[in-house]
Every structure is written in structure tokens, then in C-alpha cells.
PDB file of N, CA and C in Angstrom:
ATOM      1  N   MET A   1      79.136 105.110  10.946  1.00  0.00           N
ATOM      2  CA  MET A   1      79.091 103.677  10.967  1.00  0.00           C
ATOM      3  C   MET A   1      78.529 103.133  12.269  1.00  0.00           C
ATOM      4  N   ALA A   2      78.692 103.860  13.372  1.00  0.00           N
ATOM      5  CA  ALA A   2      78.179 103.394  14.644  1.00  0.00           C
ATOM      6  C   ALA A   2      76.658 103.448  14.690  1.00  0.00           C
ATOM      7  N   ASN A   3      76.057 104.344  13.917  1.00  0.00           N
ATOM      8  CA  ASN A   3      74.611 104.505  13.923  1.00  0.00           C
ATOM      9  C   ASN A   3      73.905 103.625  12.895  1.00  0.00           C
ATOM     10  N   GLU A   4      74.633 102.853  12.144  1.00  0.00           N
ATOM     11  CA  GLU A   4      74.022 102.012  11.129  1.00  0.00           C
ATOM     12  C   GLU A   4      73.271 100.852  11.775  1.00  0.00           C
ATOM     13  N   GLU A   5      72.108 100.544  11.210  1.00  0.00           N
ATOM     14  CA  GLU A   5      71.332  99.414  11.713  1.00  0.00           C
ATOM     15  C   GLU A   5      71.893  98.116  11.159  1.00  0.00           C
ATOM     16  N   LYS A   6      71.845  97.107  12.021  1.00  0.00           N
ATOM     17  CA  LYS A   6      72.270  95.790  11.566  1.00  0.00           C
ATOM     18  C   LYS A   6      71.111  95.159  10.820  1.00  0.00           C
ATOM     19  N   LYS A   7      71.422  94.505   9.743  1.00  0.00           N
ATOM     20  CA  LYS A   7      70.374  93.845   8.970  1.00  0.00           C
ATOM     21  C   LYS A   7      70.100  92.476   9.583  1.00  0.00           C
ATOM     22  N   VAL A   8      68.825  92.275   9.937  1.00  0.00           N
ATOM     23  CA  VAL A   8      68.405  91.020  10.551  1.00  0.00           C
ATOM     24  C   VAL A   8      67.499  90.307   9.568  1.00  0.00           C
ATOM     25  N   PRO A   9      67.775  89.039   9.305  1.00  0.00           N
ATOM     26  CA  PRO A   9      66.902  88.311   8.385  1.00  0.00           C
ATOM     27  C   PRO A   9      65.479  88.222   8.939  1.00  0.00           C
ATOM     28  N   ALA A  10      64.514  88.145   8.049  1.00  0.00           N
ATOM     29  CA  ALA A  10      63.102  88.132   8.432  1.00  0.00           C
ATOM     30  C   ALA A  10      62.772  86.950   9.337  1.00  0.00           C
ATOM     31  N   SER A  11      63.455  85.824   9.143  1.00  0.00           N
ATOM     32  CA  SER A  11      63.147  84.639   9.945  1.00  0.00           C
ATOM     33  C   SER A  11      63.639  84.776  11.380  1.00  0.00           C
ATOM     34  N   ALA A  12      64.550  85.688  11.662  1.00  0.00           N
ATOM     35  CA  ALA A  12      65.080  85.852  13.003  1.00  0.00           C
ATOM     36  C   ALA A  12      64.315  86.896  13.804  1.00  0.00           C
ATOM     37  N   LYS A  13      63.381  87.608  13.182  1.00  0.00           N
ATOM     38  CA  LYS A  13      62.611  88.622  13.893  1.00  0.00           C
ATOM     39  C   LYS A  13      61.691  87.965  14.904  1.00  0.00           C
ATOM     40  N   ALA A  14      61.370  88.720  15.963  1.00  0.00           N
ATOM     41  CA  ALA A  14      60.476  88.206  16.994  1.00  0.00           C
ATOM     42  C   ALA A  14      59.095  87.978  16.402  1.00  0.00           C
ATOM     43  N   GLY A  15      58.513  86.861  16.716  1.00  0.00           N
ATOM     44  CA  GLY A  15      57.178  86.557  16.239  1.00  0.00           C
ATOM     45  C   GLY A  15      57.146  85.877  14.888  1.00  0.00           C
ATOM     46  N   ALA A  16      58.279  85.717  14.264  1.00  0.00           N
ATOM     47  CA  ALA A  16      58.297  85.057  12.963  1.00  0.00           C
ATOM     48  C   ALA A  16      58.073  83.562  13.170  1.00  0.00           C
ATOM     49  N   VAL A  17      57.235  82.972  12.348  1.00  0.00           N
ATOM     50  CA  VAL A  17      56.939  81.548  12.450  1.00  0.00           C
ATOM     51  C   VAL A  17      57.445  80.867  11.193  1.00  0.00           C
ATOM     52  N   LYS A  18      58.213  79.837  11.414  1.00  0.00           N
ATOM     53  CA  LYS A  18      58.700  79.072  10.277  1.00  0.00           C
ATOM     54  C   LYS A  18      57.567  78.215   9.738  1.00  0.00           C
ATOM     55  N   LYS A  19      57.597  77.959   8.470  1.00  0.00           N
ATOM     56  CA  LYS A  19      56.563  77.126   7.874  1.00  0.00           C
ATOM     57  C   LYS A  19      56.704  75.678   8.311  1.00  0.00           C
ATOM     58  N   THR A  20      57.880  75.307   8.815  1.00  0.00           N
ATOM     59  CA  THR A  20      58.069  73.931   9.260  1.00  0.00           C
ATOM     60  C   THR A  20      57.511  73.722  10.668  1.00  0.00           C
ATOM     61  N   ASP A  21      57.219  74.822  11.409  1.00  0.00           N
ATOM     62  CA  ASP A  21      56.622  74.701  12.735  1.00  0.00           C
ATOM     63  C   ASP A  21      55.137  74.403  12.572  1.00  0.00           C
ATOM     64  N   VAL A  22      54.770  73.145  12.783  1.00  0.00           N
ATOM     65  CA  VAL A  22      53.385  72.730  12.612  1.00  0.00           C
ATOM     66  C   VAL A  22      52.822  72.395  13.985  1.00  0.00           C
ATOM     67  N   ARG A  23      51.642  72.895  14.266  1.00  0.00           N
ATOM     68  CA  ARG A  23      50.986  72.619  15.532  1.00  0.00           C
ATOM     69  C   ARG A  23      50.510  71.175  15.520  1.00  0.00           C
ATOM     70  N   PRO A  24      50.729  70.439  16.642  1.00  0.00           N
ATOM     71  CA  PRO A  24      50.282  69.037  16.668  1.00  0.00           C
ATOM     72  C   PRO A  24      48.765  68.952  16.566  1.00  0.00           C
ATOM     73  N   GLY A  25      48.293  67.814  16.122  1.00  0.00           N
ATOM     74  CA  GLY A  25      46.862  67.611  15.938  1.00  0.00           C
ATOM     75  C   GLY A  25      46.117  67.563  17.263  1.00  0.00           C
ATOM     76  N   PHE A  26      44.797  67.616  17.178  1.00  0.00           N
ATOM     77  CA  PHE A  26      43.939  67.650  18.359  1.00  0.00           C
ATOM     78  C   PHE A  26      44.165  66.437  19.242  1.00  0.00           C
ATOM     79  N   PHE A  27      44.148  65.245  18.670  1.00  0.00           N
ATOM     80  CA  PHE A  27      44.277  64.029  19.463  1.00  0.00           C
ATOM     81  C   PHE A  27      45.668  63.906  20.080  1.00  0.00           C
ATOM     82  N   GLN A  28      46.687  64.395  19.397  1.00  0.00           N
ATOM     83  CA  GLN A  28      48.038  64.381  19.969  1.00  0.00           C
ATOM     84  C   GLN A  28      48.115  65.319  21.169  1.00  0.00           C
ATOM     85  N   ARG A  29      47.455  66.481  21.079  1.00  0.00           N
ATOM     86  CA  ARG A  29      47.450  67.422  22.200  1.00  0.00           C
ATOM     87  C   ARG A  29      46.680  66.849  23.383  1.00  0.00           C
ATOM     88  N   VAL A  30      45.554  66.175  23.108  1.00  0.00           N
ATOM     89  CA  VAL A  30      44.772  65.559  24.184  1.00  0.00           C
ATOM     90  C   VAL A  30      45.581  64.452  24.843  1.00  0.00           C
ATOM     91  N   LYS A  31      46.260  63.656  24.044  1.00  0.00           N
ATOM     92  CA  LYS A  31      47.077  62.570  24.572  1.00  0.00           C
ATOM     93  C   LYS A  31      48.189  63.123  25.465  1.00  0.00           C
ATOM     94  N   LYS A  32      48.839  64.185  25.037  1.00  0.00           N
ATOM     95  CA  LYS A  32      49.898  64.810  25.836  1.00  0.00           C
ATOM     96  C   LYS A  32      49.319  65.381  27.127  1.00  0.00           C
ATOM     97  N   TRP A  33      48.151  66.013  27.037  1.00  0.00           N
ATOM     98  CA  TRP A  33      47.519  66.587  28.223  1.00  0.00           C
ATOM     99  C   TRP A  33      47.187  65.489  29.231  1.00  0.00           C
ATOM    100  N   LEU A  34      46.656  64.355  28.770  1.00  0.00           N
ATOM    101  CA  LEU A  34      46.333  63.246  29.664  1.00  0.00           C
ATOM    102  C   LEU A  34      47.592  62.671  30.314  1.00  0.00           C
ATOM    103  N   ARG A  35      48.669  62.554  29.541  1.00  0.00           N
ATOM    104  CA  ARG A  35      49.929  62.063  30.106  1.00  0.00           C
ATOM    105  C   ARG A  35      50.443  63.006  31.187  1.00  0.00           C
ATOM    106  N   ASP A  36      50.399  64.318  30.900  1.00  0.00           N
ATOM    107  CA  ASP A  36      50.849  65.311  31.870  1.00  0.00           C
ATOM    108  C   ASP A  36      49.992  65.282  33.129  1.00  0.00           C
ATOM    109  N   MET A  37      48.675  65.134  32.947  1.00  0.00           N
ATOM    110  CA  MET A  37      47.781  65.092  34.092  1.00  0.00           C
ATOM    111  C   MET A  37      48.060  63.857  34.945  1.00  0.00           C
ATOM    112  N   LYS A  38      48.292  62.733  34.315  1.00  0.00           N
ATOM    113  CA  LYS A  38      48.579  61.502  35.044  1.00  0.00           C
ATOM    114  C   LYS A  38      49.863  61.644  35.850  1.00  0.00           C
ATOM    115  N   SER A  39      50.887  62.254  35.260  1.00  0.00           N
ATOM    116  CA  SER A  39      52.146  62.416  35.988  1.00  0.00           C
ATOM    117  C   SER A  39      51.992  63.398  37.148  1.00  0.00           C
ATOM    118  N   GLU A  40      51.154  64.428  36.990  1.00  0.00           N
ATOM    119  CA  GLU A  40      50.918  65.372  38.087  1.00  0.00           C
ATOM    120  C   GLU A  40      50.125  64.723  39.214  1.00  0.00           C
ATOM    121  N   LEU A  41      49.158  63.871  38.866  1.00  0.00           N
ATOM    122  CA  LEU A  41      48.366  63.208  39.892  1.00  0.00           C
ATOM    123  C   LEU A  41      49.196  62.231  40.715  1.00  0.00           C
ATOM    124  N   LYS A  42      50.264  61.707  40.149  1.00  0.00           N
ATOM    125  CA  LYS A  42      51.149  60.830  40.906  1.00  0.00           C
ATOM    126  C   LYS A  42      51.907  61.596  41.982  1.00  0.00           C
ATOM    127  N   LYS A  43      52.054  62.917  41.803  1.00  0.00           N
ATOM    128  CA  LYS A  43      52.780  63.750  42.767  1.00  0.00           C
ATOM    129  C   LYS A  43      51.900  64.200  43.934  1.00  0.00           C
ATOM    130  N   VAL A  44      50.594  64.026  43.808  1.00  0.00           N
ATOM    131  CA  VAL A  44      49.664  64.505  44.827  1.00  0.00           C
ATOM    132  C   VAL A  44      49.759  63.624  46.065  1.00  0.00           C
ATOM    133  N   VAL A  45      49.757  64.271  47.240  1.00  0.00           N
ATOM    134  CA  VAL A  45      49.715  63.533  48.500  1.00  0.00           C
ATOM    135  C   VAL A  45      48.250  63.496  48.923  1.00  0.00           C
ATOM    136  N   TRP A  46      47.635  62.331  48.804  1.00  0.00           N
ATOM    137  CA  TRP A  46      46.219  62.192  49.093  1.00  0.00           C
ATOM    138  C   TRP A  46      46.012  62.051  50.595  1.00  0.00           C
ATOM    139  N   PRO A  47      44.914  62.608  51.122  1.00  0.00           N
ATOM    140  CA  PRO A  47      44.653  62.500  52.563  1.00  0.00           C
ATOM    141  C   PRO A  47      44.240  61.078  52.941  1.00  0.00           C
ATOM    142  N   THR A  48      44.479  60.765  54.221  1.00  0.00           N
ATOM    143  CA  THR A  48      44.060  59.449  54.709  1.00  0.00           C
ATOM    144  C   THR A  48      42.557  59.462  54.919  1.00  0.00           C
ATOM    145  N   SER A  49      41.988  58.300  55.154  1.00  0.00           N
ATOM    146  CA  SER A  49      40.534  58.231  55.364  1.00  0.00           C
ATOM    147  C   SER A  49      40.143  58.959  56.647  1.00  0.00           C
ATOM    148  N   GLU A  50      41.012  58.917  57.673  1.00  0.00           N
ATOM    149  CA  GLU A  50      40.726  59.641  58.925  1.00  0.00           C
ATOM    150  C   GLU A  50      40.674  61.146  58.683  1.00  0.00           C
ATOM    151  N   GLN A  51      41.622  61.663  57.909  1.00  0.00           N
ATOM    152  CA  GLN A  51      41.642  63.092  57.609  1.00  0.00           C
ATOM    153  C   GLN A  51      40.408  63.492  56.800  1.00  0.00           C
ATOM    154  N   THR A  52      40.016  62.621  55.884  1.00  0.00           N
ATOM    155  CA  THR A  52      38.844  62.907  55.068  1.00  0.00           C
ATOM    156  C   THR A  52      37.587  62.967  55.932  1.00  0.00           C
ATOM    157  N   VAL A  53      37.439  62.031  56.859  1.00  0.00           N
ATOM    158  CA  VAL A  53      36.273  62.019  57.746  1.00  0.00           C
ATOM    159  C   VAL A  53      36.269  63.269  58.626  1.00  0.00           C
ATOM    160  N   LYS A  54      37.428  63.644  59.182  1.00  0.00           N
ATOM    161  CA  LYS A  54      37.515  64.831  60.035  1.00  0.00           C
ATOM    162  C   LYS A  54      37.178  66.089  59.250  1.00  0.00           C
ATOM    163  N   ASN A  55      37.753  66.233  58.074  1.00  0.00           N
ATOM    164  CA  ASN A  55      37.488  67.422  57.260  1.00  0.00           C
ATOM    165  C   ASN A  55      36.023  67.504  56.843  1.00  0.00           C
ATOM    166  N   THR A  56      35.432  66.359  56.490  1.00  0.00           N
ATOM    167  CA  THR A  56      34.026  66.335  56.105  1.00  0.00           C
ATOM    168  C   THR A  56      33.139  66.705  57.280  1.00  0.00           C
ATOM    169  N   SER A  57      33.453  66.186  58.473  1.00  0.00           N
ATOM    170  CA  SER A  57      32.632  66.504  59.642  1.00  0.00           C
ATOM    171  C   SER A  57      32.742  67.983  60.006  1.00  0.00           C
ATOM    172  N   VAL A  58      33.923  68.554  59.881  1.00  0.00           N
ATOM    173  CA  VAL A  58      34.083  69.986  60.145  1.00  0.00           C
ATOM    174  C   VAL A  58      33.258  70.796  59.146  1.00  0.00           C
ATOM    175  N   ALA A  59      33.310  70.439  57.893  1.00  0.00           N
ATOM    176  CA  ALA A  59      32.561  71.163  56.870  1.00  0.00           C
ATOM    177  C   ALA A  59      31.057  71.054  57.098  1.00  0.00           C
ATOM    178  N   LEU A  60      30.562  69.850  57.409  1.00  0.00           N
ATOM    179  CA  LEU A  60      29.137  69.669  57.657  1.00  0.00           C
ATOM    180  C   LEU A  60      28.685  70.424  58.901  1.00  0.00           C
ATOM    181  N   THR A  61      29.497  70.406  59.955  1.00  0.00           N
ATOM    182  CA  THR A  61      29.172  71.151  61.180  1.00  0.00           C
ATOM    183  C   THR A  61      29.090  72.634  60.890  1.00  0.00           C
ATOM    184  N   PHE A  62      30.048  73.142  60.152  1.00  0.00           N
ATOM    185  CA  PHE A  62      30.046  74.560  59.802  1.00  0.00           C
ATOM    186  C   PHE A  62      28.808  74.918  58.990  1.00  0.00           C
ATOM    187  N   MET A  63      28.421  74.058  58.059  1.00  0.00           N
ATOM    188  CA  MET A  63      27.239  74.327  57.245  1.00  0.00           C
ATOM    189  C   MET A  63      25.978  74.330  58.100  1.00  0.00           C
ATOM    190  N   VAL A  64      25.854  73.403  59.046  1.00  0.00           N
ATOM    191  CA  VAL A  64      24.671  73.346  59.903  1.00  0.00           C
ATOM    192  C   VAL A  64      24.599  74.585  60.783  1.00  0.00           C
ATOM    193  N   VAL A  65      25.728  74.975  61.388  1.00  0.00           N
ATOM    194  CA  VAL A  65      25.759  76.165  62.239  1.00  0.00           C
ATOM    195  C   VAL A  65      25.419  77.404  61.419  1.00  0.00           C
ATOM    196  N   SER A  66      25.974  77.512  60.234  1.00  0.00           N
ATOM    197  CA  SER A  66      25.666  78.657  59.364  1.00  0.00           C
ATOM    198  C   SER A  66      24.190  78.682  58.994  1.00  0.00           C
ATOM    199  N   ALA A  67      23.617  77.537  58.701  1.00  0.00           N
ATOM    200  CA  ALA A  67      22.198  77.467  58.347  1.00  0.00           C
ATOM    201  C   ALA A  67      21.327  77.893  59.520  1.00  0.00           C
ATOM    202  N   ILE A  68      21.672  77.461  60.718  1.00  0.00           N
ATOM    203  CA  ILE A  68      20.896  77.841  61.901  1.00  0.00           C
ATOM    204  C   ILE A  68      20.990  79.347  62.146  1.00  0.00           C
ATOM    205  N   LEU A  69      22.198  79.900  62.019  1.00  0.00           N
ATOM    206  CA  LEU A  69      22.359  81.340  62.208  1.00  0.00           C
ATOM    207  C   LEU A  69      21.587  82.126  61.150  1.00  0.00           C
ATOM    208  N   LEU A  70      21.638  81.687  59.920  1.00  0.00           N
ATOM    209  CA  LEU A  70      20.914  82.364  58.850  1.00  0.00           C
ATOM    210  C   LEU A  70      19.406  82.271  59.079  1.00  0.00           C
ATOM    211  N   TRP A  71      18.919  81.096  59.490  1.00  0.00           N
ATOM    212  CA  TRP A  71      17.498  80.923  59.789  1.00  0.00           C
ATOM    213  C   TRP A  71      17.077  81.853  60.931  1.00  0.00           C
ATOM    214  N   GLY A  72      17.895  81.941  61.974  1.00  0.00           N
ATOM    215  CA  GLY A  72      17.594  82.815  63.105  1.00  0.00           C
ATOM    216  C   GLY A  72      17.540  84.279  62.684  1.00  0.00           C
ATOM    217  N   PHE A  73      18.519  84.710  61.904  1.00  0.00           N
ATOM    218  CA  PHE A  73      18.521  86.094  61.433  1.00  0.00           C
ATOM    219  C   PHE A  73      17.298  86.367  60.566  1.00  0.00           C
ATOM    220  N   ASP A  74      16.959  85.445  59.705  1.00  0.00           N
ATOM    221  CA  ASP A  74      15.805  85.611  58.823  1.00  0.00           C
ATOM    222  C   ASP A  74      14.522  85.704  59.641  1.00  0.00           C
ATOM    223  N   THR A  75      14.390  84.873  60.665  1.00  0.00           N
ATOM    224  CA  THR A  75      13.203  84.897  61.515  1.00  0.00           C
ATOM    225  C   THR A  75      13.091  86.229  62.249  1.00  0.00           C
ATOM    226  N   LEU A  76      14.205  86.705  62.812  1.00  0.00           N
ATOM    227  CA  LEU A  76      14.193  87.995  63.505  1.00  0.00           C
ATOM    228  C   LEU A  76      13.879  89.145  62.554  1.00  0.00           C
ATOM    229  N   ALA A  77      14.457  89.133  61.387  1.00  0.00           N
ATOM    230  CA  ALA A  77      14.199  90.195  60.412  1.00  0.00           C
ATOM    231  C   ALA A  77      12.742  90.168  59.973  1.00  0.00           C
ATOM    232  N   SER A  78      12.198  88.988  59.756  1.00  0.00           N
ATOM    233  CA  SER A  78      10.798  88.861  59.360  1.00  0.00           C
ATOM    234  C   SER A  78       9.883  89.381  60.461  1.00  0.00           C
ATOM    235  N   ALA A  79      10.173  89.027  61.721  1.00  0.00           N
ATOM    236  CA  ALA A  79       9.362  89.507  62.843  1.00  0.00           C
ATOM    237  C   ALA A  79       9.468  91.029  62.962  1.00  0.00           C
ATOM    238  N   GLY A  80      10.637  91.579  62.757  1.00  0.00           N
ATOM    239  CA  GLY A  80      10.822  93.026  62.820  1.00  0.00           C
ATOM    240  C   GLY A  80      10.028  93.755  61.749  1.00  0.00           C
ATOM    241  N   ILE A  81      10.046  93.224  60.544  1.00  0.00           N
ATOM    242  CA  ILE A  81       9.306  93.853  59.440  1.00  0.00           C
ATOM    243  C   ILE A  81       7.804  93.759  59.697  1.00  0.00           C
ATOM    244  N   ARG A  82       7.352  92.600  60.216  1.00  0.00           N
ATOM    245  CA  ARG A  82       5.923  92.463  60.539  1.00  0.00           C
ATOM    246  C   ARG A  82       5.510  93.470  61.613  1.00  0.00           C
ATOM    247  N   ALA A  83       6.366  93.667  62.611  1.00  0.00           N
ATOM    248  CA  ALA A  83       6.055  94.622  63.673  1.00  0.00           C
ATOM    249  C   ALA A  83       5.968  96.039  63.121  1.00  0.00           C
ATOM    250  N   ILE A  84       6.901  96.384  62.240  1.00  0.00           N
ATOM    251  CA  ILE A  84       6.877  97.733  61.643  1.00  0.00           C
ATOM    252  C   ILE A  84       5.625  97.901  60.799  1.00  0.00           C
ATOM    253  N   LEU A  85       5.246  96.900  60.023  1.00  0.00           N
ATOM    254  CA  LEU A  85       4.043  96.983  59.187  1.00  0.00           C
ATOM    255  C   LEU A  85       2.787  97.069  60.044  1.00  0.00           C
ATOM    256  N   MET A  86       2.753  96.405  61.185  1.00  0.00           N
ATOM    257  CA  MET A  86       1.593  96.479  62.095  1.00  0.00           C
ATOM    258  C   MET A  86       1.468  97.886  62.667  1.00  0.00           C
ATOM    259  N   LEU A  87       2.594  98.518  62.984  1.00  0.00           N
ATOM    260  CA  LEU A  87       2.564  99.869  63.542  1.00  0.00           C
ATOM    261  C   LEU A  87       2.116 100.894  62.503  1.00  0.00           C
ATOM    262  N   VAL A  88       2.527 100.692  61.265  1.00  0.00           N
ATOM    263  CA  VAL A  88       2.214 101.642  60.201  1.00  0.00           C
ATOM    264  C   VAL A  88       0.749 101.512  59.770  1.00  0.00           C
ATOM    265  N   SER A  89       0.228 100.303  59.704  1.00  0.00           N
ATOM    266  CA  SER A  89      -1.139 100.136  59.194  1.00  0.00           C
ATOM    267  C   SER A  89      -2.185 100.119  60.259  1.00  0.00           C
TER     268      SER A  89
END
């Protein structure tokens, strides 16, 4: 008797879906998603205009410095390849 399996109804098995469980329609899901997004956006702490200007200036400065370094490396590599080609030919 200890080894006997308990009988479980089919509706209680894992993964069983009741016929009354109906997925909401497309527009209802979109409406819920928009409501959820709106409530999440209310929780966001937005930066001040000063912080935005500082962050933007840091990003632009970094991009300019990176561009200059990349241009310099490209120029040196190009000159090196030209020198090697001049020696070979």
C-alpha cells in the first residue's frame, strides 16, 4: 500500500490548461502593456538639465578624442604600409 500511486485528476497535472482560461485579446494586452509602462515611467528619476548637459559634453568629448586617436593610428598605419611597399617595389 505504501508503494501505490495516488490518482491525480487530469486537470491538476502540471501544464494542464482549463478550457475556461482564455488569453486576452491583442488590444487588451496592448492596453495593459501601456498602463504598465506608464506606471514604470512614473518611478524613473529623470536627470536635471545640468546633469544632461554634463553627460552630453563628456560623451561628445570622448567621441572627439577617440576619433582623433583613430585618425592618428590610421595615418601612421597607412604611412607604414606605404613605406613597406616602397621598399619592396
